[in-house]
């Protein structure tokens, strides 16, 4: 049994999707970041950086924060198939998501979606960076069916961020390889179940 501490964000959805793909038993503990529940002392003991997601694996005793570290742990411990065709290729693209795609799209959400008009320079900067990153992903997916060749934690890490394309004011039809990949992953039953955690009833956006 794995205890999953999460909320309905791209980073949170990575882990519930991975757990569903692996068919693991887990219990969801919602940490409402809108209400600042991530700052509660009991959560701080699990996630010292006050961020979701975090897990406690009751079987191994392992406690982890940071979505990338959790995905690596789950693939190493429970699902080698989620490493895709090549571990290093998957790690490379996982790090790309963790260091680039996620943080930059997060800035688009902050400035463009939630604070429009307050910082035009920042809006332009991060909107253009989003376009660049979408272009990187589109070129990669023109070479391979999935990010690292076959379905892997690199896809699981990246897809939830692309699922907020509307927040980013991105037109997926301008990135046909991303669109093909996005729809294919959205059709996976495990992704549909994992996306719905913990905010039950939220439909996957489909262009």
Protein backbone atom coordinates (compact mmCIF):
# COMPACT_ATOMS: atom_id res chain seq x y z
CA UNK A 1 0.00 0.00 0.00
CA UNK A 2 1.27 3.45 -0.96
CA UNK A 3 0.02 6.64 0.64
CA UNK A 4 -0.19 9.37 -2.01
CA UNK A 5 -0.32 13.00 -0.93
CA UNK A 6 -1.50 15.00 -3.89
CA UNK A 7 -3.72 17.64 -5.45
CA UNK A 8 -5.21 18.15 -8.93
CA UNK A 9 -2.14 19.74 -10.54
CA UNK A 10 0.12 18.48 -13.35
CA UNK A 11 2.76 17.35 -10.86
CA UNK A 12 0.19 15.65 -8.67
CA UNK A 13 -1.40 13.84 -11.59
CA UNK A 14 1.92 12.35 -12.69
CA UNK A 15 1.99 10.04 -9.71
CA UNK A 16 -1.63 8.89 -9.70
CA UNK A 17 -1.27 8.11 -13.42
CA UNK A 18 1.91 6.10 -12.76
CA UNK A 19 0.27 4.21 -9.90
CA UNK A 20 -2.70 3.37 -12.09
CA UNK A 21 -0.44 2.24 -14.94
CA UNK A 22 1.37 -0.07 -12.53
CA UNK A 23 -1.82 -1.36 -10.93
CA UNK A 24 -0.56 -0.61 -7.43
CA UNK A 25 -2.74 -0.24 -4.37
CA UNK A 26 -2.69 3.28 -3.01
CA UNK A 27 -4.62 5.58 -0.73
CA UNK A 28 -5.12 9.20 -1.68
CA UNK A 29 -4.62 12.02 0.82
CA UNK A 30 -5.71 15.32 -0.67
CA UNK A 31 -3.46 18.27 0.20
CA UNK A 32 -5.39 21.37 -0.83
CA UNK A 33 -2.71 23.84 -1.87
CA UNK A 34 -5.33 26.53 -2.43
CA UNK A 35 -6.02 26.39 1.31
CA UNK A 36 -2.28 26.20 2.15
CA UNK A 37 -2.60 22.69 3.56
CA UNK A 38 0.91 21.97 2.24
CA UNK A 39 2.27 24.06 5.10
CA UNK A 40 0.79 21.91 7.85
CA UNK A 41 3.48 20.46 10.16
CA UNK A 42 2.32 16.89 9.57
CA UNK A 43 2.80 17.28 5.81
CA UNK A 44 6.16 19.01 6.30
CA UNK A 45 7.45 15.84 7.93
CA UNK A 46 6.69 13.98 4.69
CA UNK A 47 7.59 16.71 2.20
CA UNK A 48 10.16 19.13 3.67
CA UNK A 49 9.78 21.51 0.69
CA UNK A 50 6.01 21.82 1.29
CA UNK A 51 5.21 20.60 -2.23
CA UNK A 52 2.91 17.91 -3.57
CA UNK A 53 3.15 15.16 -4.58
CA UNK A 54 4.73 12.97 -1.94
CA UNK A 55 4.44 9.28 -1.15
CA UNK A 56 4.93 6.92 1.75
CA UNK A 57 5.45 3.32 0.65
CA UNK A 58 4.14 1.26 3.56
CA UNK A 59 5.81 -1.90 2.24
CA UNK A 60 9.36 -0.54 1.90
CA UNK A 61 9.22 2.31 4.41
CA UNK A 62 10.38 4.77 1.74
CA UNK A 63 9.11 8.35 1.95
CA UNK A 64 9.67 10.60 -1.05
CA UNK A 65 8.86 14.07 -2.28
CA UNK A 66 9.49 15.52 -5.77
CA UNK A 67 7.55 14.02 -8.65
CA UNK A 68 10.61 13.06 -10.72
CA UNK A 69 12.19 11.17 -7.84
CA UNK A 70 8.90 9.40 -7.15
CA UNK A 71 8.54 8.33 -10.79
CA UNK A 72 12.07 6.94 -10.81
CA UNK A 73 11.39 5.06 -7.58
CA UNK A 74 8.16 3.57 -8.89
CA UNK A 75 9.76 2.48 -12.17
CA UNK A 76 12.78 0.99 -10.40
CA UNK A 77 10.76 -0.75 -7.70
CA UNK A 78 7.55 -1.81 -9.38
CA UNK A 79 7.57 -1.31 -13.14
CA UNK A 80 10.68 -1.63 -15.28
CA UNK A 81 8.41 -1.35 -18.33
CA UNK A 82 7.96 2.33 -17.53
CA UNK A 83 11.62 2.95 -18.35
CA UNK A 84 10.75 2.67 -22.03
CA UNK A 85 13.25 1.46 -24.61
CA UNK A 86 16.33 2.99 -23.01
CA UNK A 87 16.86 4.17 -19.45
CA UNK A 88 19.21 7.03 -20.34
CA UNK A 89 16.94 8.38 -23.07
CA UNK A 90 14.05 8.30 -20.63
CA UNK A 91 16.08 10.00 -17.90
CA UNK A 92 17.20 12.67 -20.34
CA UNK A 93 13.65 13.59 -21.25
CA UNK A 94 12.43 13.28 -17.66
CA UNK A 95 15.06 15.85 -16.65
CA UNK A 96 13.95 18.04 -19.57
CA UNK A 97 10.44 18.01 -18.18
CA UNK A 98 11.53 18.63 -14.60
CA UNK A 99 13.95 21.43 -15.45
CA UNK A 100 12.22 23.04 -18.42
CA UNK A 101 8.74 22.07 -19.52
CA UNK A 102 7.13 22.02 -16.07
CA UNK A 103 8.70 25.14 -14.56
CA UNK A 104 8.29 27.24 -17.71
CA UNK A 105 4.68 26.25 -18.31
CA UNK A 106 4.05 26.90 -14.64
CA UNK A 107 5.22 30.48 -15.18
CA UNK A 108 2.82 30.79 -18.12
CA UNK A 109 0.01 29.70 -15.82
CA UNK A 110 1.06 32.28 -13.22
CA UNK A 111 1.46 35.29 -15.50
CA UNK A 112 -0.83 34.57 -18.44
CA UNK A 113 -3.68 32.59 -16.89
CA UNK A 114 -3.94 33.98 -13.36
CA UNK A 115 -2.37 37.47 -13.53
CA UNK A 116 -2.93 38.81 -17.04
CA UNK A 117 -1.92 42.41 -17.66
CA UNK A 118 0.27 42.73 -14.56
CA UNK A 119 3.61 41.91 -16.16
CA UNK A 120 3.52 42.13 -19.98
CA UNK A 121 7.25 41.37 -20.28
CA UNK A 122 6.89 38.19 -18.25
CA UNK A 123 3.77 37.16 -20.18
CA UNK A 124 5.61 37.53 -23.50
CA UNK A 125 8.77 35.85 -22.25
CA UNK A 126 7.07 32.74 -20.87
CA UNK A 127 4.54 32.46 -23.69
CA UNK A 128 7.40 32.42 -26.20
CA UNK A 129 9.30 29.88 -24.11
CA UNK A 130 6.20 27.69 -24.04
CA UNK A 131 6.09 27.80 -27.84
CA UNK A 132 9.75 26.86 -28.02
CA UNK A 133 9.29 23.90 -25.67
CA UNK A 134 6.23 22.70 -27.54
CA UNK A 135 8.38 22.84 -30.67
CA UNK A 136 11.08 20.74 -29.02
CA UNK A 137 8.48 18.17 -28.01
CA UNK A 138 6.86 18.19 -31.44
CA UNK A 139 10.16 17.53 -33.18
CA UNK A 140 10.97 14.69 -30.81
CA UNK A 141 7.55 13.11 -31.34
CA UNK A 142 8.09 13.34 -35.07
CA UNK A 143 10.94 10.86 -34.55
CA UNK A 144 9.30 8.45 -32.12
CA UNK A 145 5.83 7.32 -31.08
CA UNK A 146 6.49 8.27 -27.47
CA UNK A 147 9.07 10.57 -25.93
CA UNK A 148 11.70 7.92 -25.27
CA UNK A 149 10.56 5.54 -27.98
CA UNK A 150 8.00 3.52 -26.05
CA UNK A 151 5.65 4.70 -23.31
CA UNK A 152 7.60 5.65 -20.19
CA UNK A 153 7.79 7.87 -17.15
CA UNK A 154 8.99 10.64 -19.51
CA UNK A 155 5.52 10.64 -21.08
CA UNK A 156 3.81 10.36 -17.71
CA UNK A 157 5.78 13.38 -16.46
CA UNK A 158 5.16 15.56 -19.52
CA UNK A 159 1.59 14.77 -20.53
CA UNK A 160 -0.19 16.36 -17.52
CA UNK A 161 1.53 19.67 -18.28
CA UNK A 162 0.38 19.56 -21.90
CA UNK A 163 -3.13 18.76 -20.65
CA UNK A 164 -3.25 22.39 -19.53
CA UNK A 165 -2.70 23.69 -23.05
CA UNK A 166 -5.73 25.95 -22.61
CA UNK A 167 -4.11 27.62 -19.58
CA UNK A 168 -1.07 28.25 -21.79
CA UNK A 169 -3.16 29.57 -24.72
CA UNK A 170 -1.60 26.94 -26.94
CA UNK A 171 -3.23 25.56 -30.09
CA UNK A 172 -2.32 21.88 -30.28
CA UNK A 173 -3.23 21.75 -33.95
CA UNK A 174 -0.09 23.80 -34.57
CA UNK A 175 1.95 20.88 -33.17
CA UNK A 176 0.58 17.80 -34.97
CA UNK A 177 2.98 15.31 -33.42
CA UNK A 178 2.18 16.58 -29.93
CA UNK A 179 -1.52 16.39 -30.74
CA UNK A 180 -1.26 12.78 -31.93
CA UNK A 181 0.72 11.82 -28.80
CA UNK A 182 -1.58 13.76 -26.48
CA UNK A 183 -4.71 12.04 -27.78
CA UNK A 184 -3.11 8.59 -27.66
CA UNK A 185 -2.16 9.00 -24.00
CA UNK A 186 -5.51 10.56 -23.11
CA UNK A 187 -7.19 7.39 -24.41
CA UNK A 188 -5.32 5.12 -21.98
CA UNK A 189 -7.69 3.86 -19.23
CA UNK A 190 -4.99 4.20 -16.55
CA UNK A 191 -4.42 7.83 -17.53
CA UNK A 192 -8.13 8.53 -17.39
CA UNK A 193 -8.33 7.05 -13.90
CA UNK A 194 -5.16 8.76 -12.70
CA UNK A 195 -6.17 12.15 -14.08
CA UNK A 196 -9.31 12.00 -11.98
CA UNK A 197 -7.36 11.90 -8.68
CA UNK A 198 -8.11 13.55 -6.30
CA UNK A 199 -10.58 15.95 -7.95
CA UNK A 200 -13.15 13.38 -8.99
CA UNK A 201 -15.23 14.31 -12.00
CA UNK A 202 -12.73 16.46 -13.93
CA UNK A 203 -12.71 15.52 -17.60
CA UNK A 204 -9.50 15.40 -19.61
CA UNK A 205 -9.42 18.40 -21.99
CA UNK A 206 -9.55 17.21 -25.59
CA UNK A 207 -8.81 19.49 -28.53
